[in-house]
Amino acid sequence: MTNNDWINIEDELPPKNHEDYLVYPPPDSHYNDGLTAEHYKGEWIVHCEDSHGSWSRPLENVTHWQQLPKPPTE
């Protein structure tokens, strides 16, 4: 993928709900890199898992998104 694959959310939103996309939050977010989030009814939901369990929360201020790359083939 190239940098040109990023789509500004002001230009276009993902075509499907309940799918994961690569998203990019603004620089002032506590996330500092792209991450995967689900798009659902106009909201971005990030799903996380750590040693304490799993959780989901809305991710605000997403600025750009793109399709996830296809998985590698053997």
N, C-alpha and C. Protein backbone atom coordinates (compact mmCIF):
# COMPACT_ATOMS: atom_id res chain seq x y z
N MET A 1 0.83 -1.18 0.00
CA MET A 1 0.00 0.00 0.00
C MET A 1 0.87 1.25 0.00
N THR A 2 0.34 2.26 -0.58
CA THR A 2 1.04 3.52 -0.58
C THR A 2 0.28 4.53 0.25
N ASN A 3 0.89 5.65 0.51
CA ASN A 3 0.24 6.70 1.27
C ASN A 3 -1.03 7.18 0.58
N ASN A 4 -1.12 7.00 -0.75
CA ASN A 4 -2.29 7.43 -1.49
C ASN A 4 -3.51 6.57 -1.22
N ASP A 5 -3.35 5.44 -0.53
CA ASP A 5 -4.48 4.57 -0.22
C ASP A 5 -5.34 5.11 0.92
N TRP A 6 -4.86 6.09 1.67
CA TRP A 6 -5.63 6.67 2.76
C TRP A 6 -6.77 7.51 2.19
N ILE A 7 -7.95 7.33 2.76
CA ILE A 7 -9.14 8.08 2.33
C ILE A 7 -9.56 8.99 3.48
N ASN A 8 -9.69 10.26 3.21
CA ASN A 8 -10.13 11.21 4.21
C ASN A 8 -11.61 10.95 4.50
N ILE A 9 -11.98 10.89 5.79
CA ILE A 9 -13.38 10.60 6.12
C ILE A 9 -14.32 11.71 5.68
N GLU A 10 -13.79 12.89 5.43
CA GLU A 10 -14.63 13.97 4.91
C GLU A 10 -14.99 13.73 3.45
N ASP A 11 -14.19 12.92 2.75
CA ASP A 11 -14.46 12.62 1.35
C ASP A 11 -15.33 11.38 1.16
N GLU A 12 -15.12 10.40 2.02
CA GLU A 12 -15.83 9.12 1.85
C GLU A 12 -15.74 8.30 3.12
N LEU A 13 -16.85 7.61 3.46
CA LEU A 13 -16.85 6.66 4.57
C LEU A 13 -16.88 5.25 4.01
N PRO A 14 -16.47 4.26 4.80
CA PRO A 14 -16.46 2.88 4.31
C PRO A 14 -17.85 2.44 3.84
N PRO A 15 -17.89 1.57 2.85
CA PRO A 15 -19.17 1.14 2.27
C PRO A 15 -19.94 0.13 3.13
N LYS A 16 -19.25 -0.51 4.07
CA LYS A 16 -19.91 -1.57 4.85
C LYS A 16 -19.76 -1.34 6.35
N ASN A 17 -20.80 -1.72 7.10
CA ASN A 17 -20.73 -1.74 8.55
C ASN A 17 -20.20 -3.10 9.00
N HIS A 18 -19.77 -3.16 10.24
CA HIS A 18 -19.30 -4.41 10.85
C HIS A 18 -18.07 -4.98 10.15
N GLU A 19 -17.26 -4.13 9.55
CA GLU A 19 -16.00 -4.58 8.97
C GLU A 19 -14.86 -3.79 9.58
N ASP A 20 -13.70 -4.42 9.65
CA ASP A 20 -12.52 -3.75 10.17
C ASP A 20 -11.80 -3.02 9.05
N TYR A 21 -11.27 -1.85 9.41
CA TYR A 21 -10.51 -1.03 8.48
C TYR A 21 -9.27 -0.53 9.20
N LEU A 22 -8.28 -0.18 8.45
CA LEU A 22 -7.11 0.48 8.99
C LEU A 22 -7.47 1.95 9.11
N VAL A 23 -7.32 2.53 10.30
CA VAL A 23 -7.70 3.92 10.52
C VAL A 23 -6.51 4.70 11.06
N TYR A 24 -6.58 6.00 10.88
CA TYR A 24 -5.52 6.87 11.35
C TYR A 24 -6.14 7.98 12.19
N PRO A 25 -5.83 7.98 13.48
CA PRO A 25 -6.37 9.03 14.36
C PRO A 25 -5.52 10.29 14.26
N PRO A 26 -6.02 11.41 14.78
CA PRO A 26 -5.25 12.65 14.72
C PRO A 26 -4.02 12.58 15.62
N PRO A 27 -3.04 13.46 15.37
CA PRO A 27 -1.79 13.42 16.14
C PRO A 27 -1.97 13.61 17.64
N ASP A 28 -3.02 14.29 18.09
CA ASP A 28 -3.21 14.51 19.52
C ASP A 28 -3.87 13.32 20.22
N SER A 29 -4.19 12.27 19.48
CA SER A 29 -4.77 11.07 20.07
C SER A 29 -3.69 10.33 20.85
N HIS A 30 -4.11 9.52 21.84
CA HIS A 30 -3.10 8.73 22.56
C HIS A 30 -2.61 7.56 21.71
N TYR A 31 -3.29 7.30 20.59
CA TYR A 31 -2.76 6.36 19.61
C TYR A 31 -1.85 7.16 18.69
N ASN A 32 -0.69 6.68 18.39
CA ASN A 32 0.23 7.47 17.58
C ASN A 32 0.54 6.84 16.24
N ASP A 33 -0.22 5.84 15.86
CA ASP A 33 0.02 5.16 14.60
C ASP A 33 -1.30 4.63 14.09
N GLY A 34 -1.30 4.11 12.89
CA GLY A 34 -2.51 3.51 12.37
C GLY A 34 -2.91 2.30 13.19
N LEU A 35 -4.20 2.01 13.24
CA LEU A 35 -4.69 0.84 13.96
C LEU A 35 -5.93 0.33 13.27
N THR A 36 -6.41 -0.81 13.71
CA THR A 36 -7.59 -1.42 13.13
C THR A 36 -8.80 -1.07 13.98
N ALA A 37 -9.88 -0.66 13.31
CA ALA A 37 -11.12 -0.36 14.01
C ALA A 37 -12.29 -0.81 13.15
N GLU A 38 -13.39 -1.11 13.81
CA GLU A 38 -14.61 -1.51 13.11
C GLU A 38 -15.43 -0.25 12.82
N HIS A 39 -16.01 -0.18 11.65
CA HIS A 39 -16.91 0.92 11.32
C HIS A 39 -18.33 0.42 11.49
N TYR A 40 -19.11 1.14 12.29
CA TYR A 40 -20.49 0.73 12.54
C TYR A 40 -21.38 1.95 12.71
N LYS A 41 -22.29 2.13 11.78
CA LYS A 41 -23.27 3.22 11.82
C LYS A 41 -22.62 4.58 12.06
N GLY A 42 -21.57 4.86 11.33
CA GLY A 42 -20.92 6.17 11.42
C GLY A 42 -19.93 6.32 12.56
N GLU A 43 -19.74 5.28 13.36
CA GLU A 43 -18.77 5.34 14.45
C GLU A 43 -17.64 4.35 14.21
N TRP A 44 -16.51 4.66 14.79
CA TRP A 44 -15.35 3.76 14.75
C TRP A 44 -15.22 3.13 16.13
N ILE A 45 -15.12 1.81 16.16
CA ILE A 45 -15.00 1.07 17.42
C ILE A 45 -13.68 0.31 17.40
N VAL A 46 -12.85 0.55 18.40
CA VAL A 46 -11.58 -0.16 18.50
C VAL A 46 -11.77 -1.30 19.50
N HIS A 47 -11.27 -2.48 19.14
CA HIS A 47 -11.35 -3.66 20.00
C HIS A 47 -9.92 -3.98 20.45
N CYS A 48 -9.74 -4.09 21.74
CA CYS A 48 -8.40 -4.34 22.28
C CYS A 48 -8.43 -5.53 23.23
N GLU A 49 -7.28 -6.14 23.37
CA GLU A 49 -7.13 -7.25 24.29
C GLU A 49 -5.75 -7.14 24.93
N ASP A 50 -5.72 -7.32 26.26
CA ASP A 50 -4.45 -7.33 26.96
C ASP A 50 -4.52 -8.38 28.06
N SER A 51 -3.57 -8.37 28.96
CA SER A 51 -3.51 -9.39 30.01
C SER A 51 -4.68 -9.28 31.00
N HIS A 52 -5.41 -8.18 30.98
CA HIS A 52 -6.54 -7.98 31.89
C HIS A 52 -7.88 -8.33 31.25
N GLY A 53 -7.87 -8.67 29.97
CA GLY A 53 -9.11 -9.02 29.29
C GLY A 53 -9.25 -8.28 27.98
N SER A 54 -10.45 -8.30 27.45
CA SER A 54 -10.71 -7.60 26.19
C SER A 54 -11.76 -6.53 26.41
N TRP A 55 -11.72 -5.51 25.58
CA TRP A 55 -12.66 -4.41 25.71
C TRP A 55 -12.82 -3.71 24.37
N SER A 56 -13.89 -2.96 24.25
CA SER A 56 -14.17 -2.18 23.06
C SER A 56 -14.53 -0.77 23.50
N ARG A 57 -14.17 0.20 22.64
CA ARG A 57 -14.55 1.57 22.94
C ARG A 57 -14.60 2.37 21.65
N PRO A 58 -15.42 3.42 21.64
CA PRO A 58 -15.46 4.27 20.45
C PRO A 58 -14.12 4.98 20.27
N LEU A 59 -13.73 5.14 19.04
CA LEU A 59 -12.52 5.86 18.71
C LEU A 59 -12.93 7.15 18.02
N GLU A 60 -12.65 8.26 18.66
CA GLU A 60 -13.08 9.54 18.13
C GLU A 60 -11.98 10.19 17.30
N ASN A 61 -12.39 11.09 16.47
CA ASN A 61 -11.48 11.92 15.68
C ASN A 61 -10.64 11.16 14.67
N VAL A 62 -11.16 10.06 14.16
CA VAL A 62 -10.46 9.38 13.07
C VAL A 62 -10.45 10.35 11.89
N THR A 63 -9.31 10.48 11.23
CA THR A 63 -9.21 11.40 10.11
C THR A 63 -9.18 10.69 8.76
N HIS A 64 -8.61 9.47 8.72
CA HIS A 64 -8.44 8.73 7.46
C HIS A 64 -8.66 7.24 7.69
N TRP A 65 -9.00 6.54 6.64
CA TRP A 65 -9.19 5.09 6.70
C TRP A 65 -8.75 4.48 5.38
N GLN A 66 -8.59 3.16 5.40
CA GLN A 66 -8.34 2.40 4.19
C GLN A 66 -8.69 0.94 4.42
N GLN A 67 -8.89 0.22 3.33
CA GLN A 67 -9.18 -1.21 3.42
C GLN A 67 -7.96 -1.92 4.02
N LEU A 68 -8.22 -2.99 4.75
CA LEU A 68 -7.12 -3.83 5.23
C LEU A 68 -6.51 -4.55 4.04
N PRO A 69 -5.21 -4.78 4.08
CA PRO A 69 -4.60 -5.54 2.99
C PRO A 69 -5.08 -6.99 3.02
N LYS A 70 -5.00 -7.63 1.88
CA LYS A 70 -5.35 -9.05 1.81
C LYS A 70 -4.31 -9.84 2.58
N PRO A 71 -4.72 -10.93 3.24
CA PRO A 71 -3.75 -11.75 3.96
C PRO A 71 -2.76 -12.40 3.00
N PRO A 72 -1.59 -12.75 3.50
CA PRO A 72 -0.61 -13.39 2.62
C PRO A 72 -1.09 -14.77 2.19
N THR A 73 -0.62 -15.19 1.04
CA THR A 73 -0.93 -16.54 0.57
C THR A 73 0.34 -17.37 0.66
N GLU A 74 0.14 -18.64 0.82
CA GLU A 74 1.28 -19.54 0.94
C GLU A 74 1.73 -20.02 -0.42
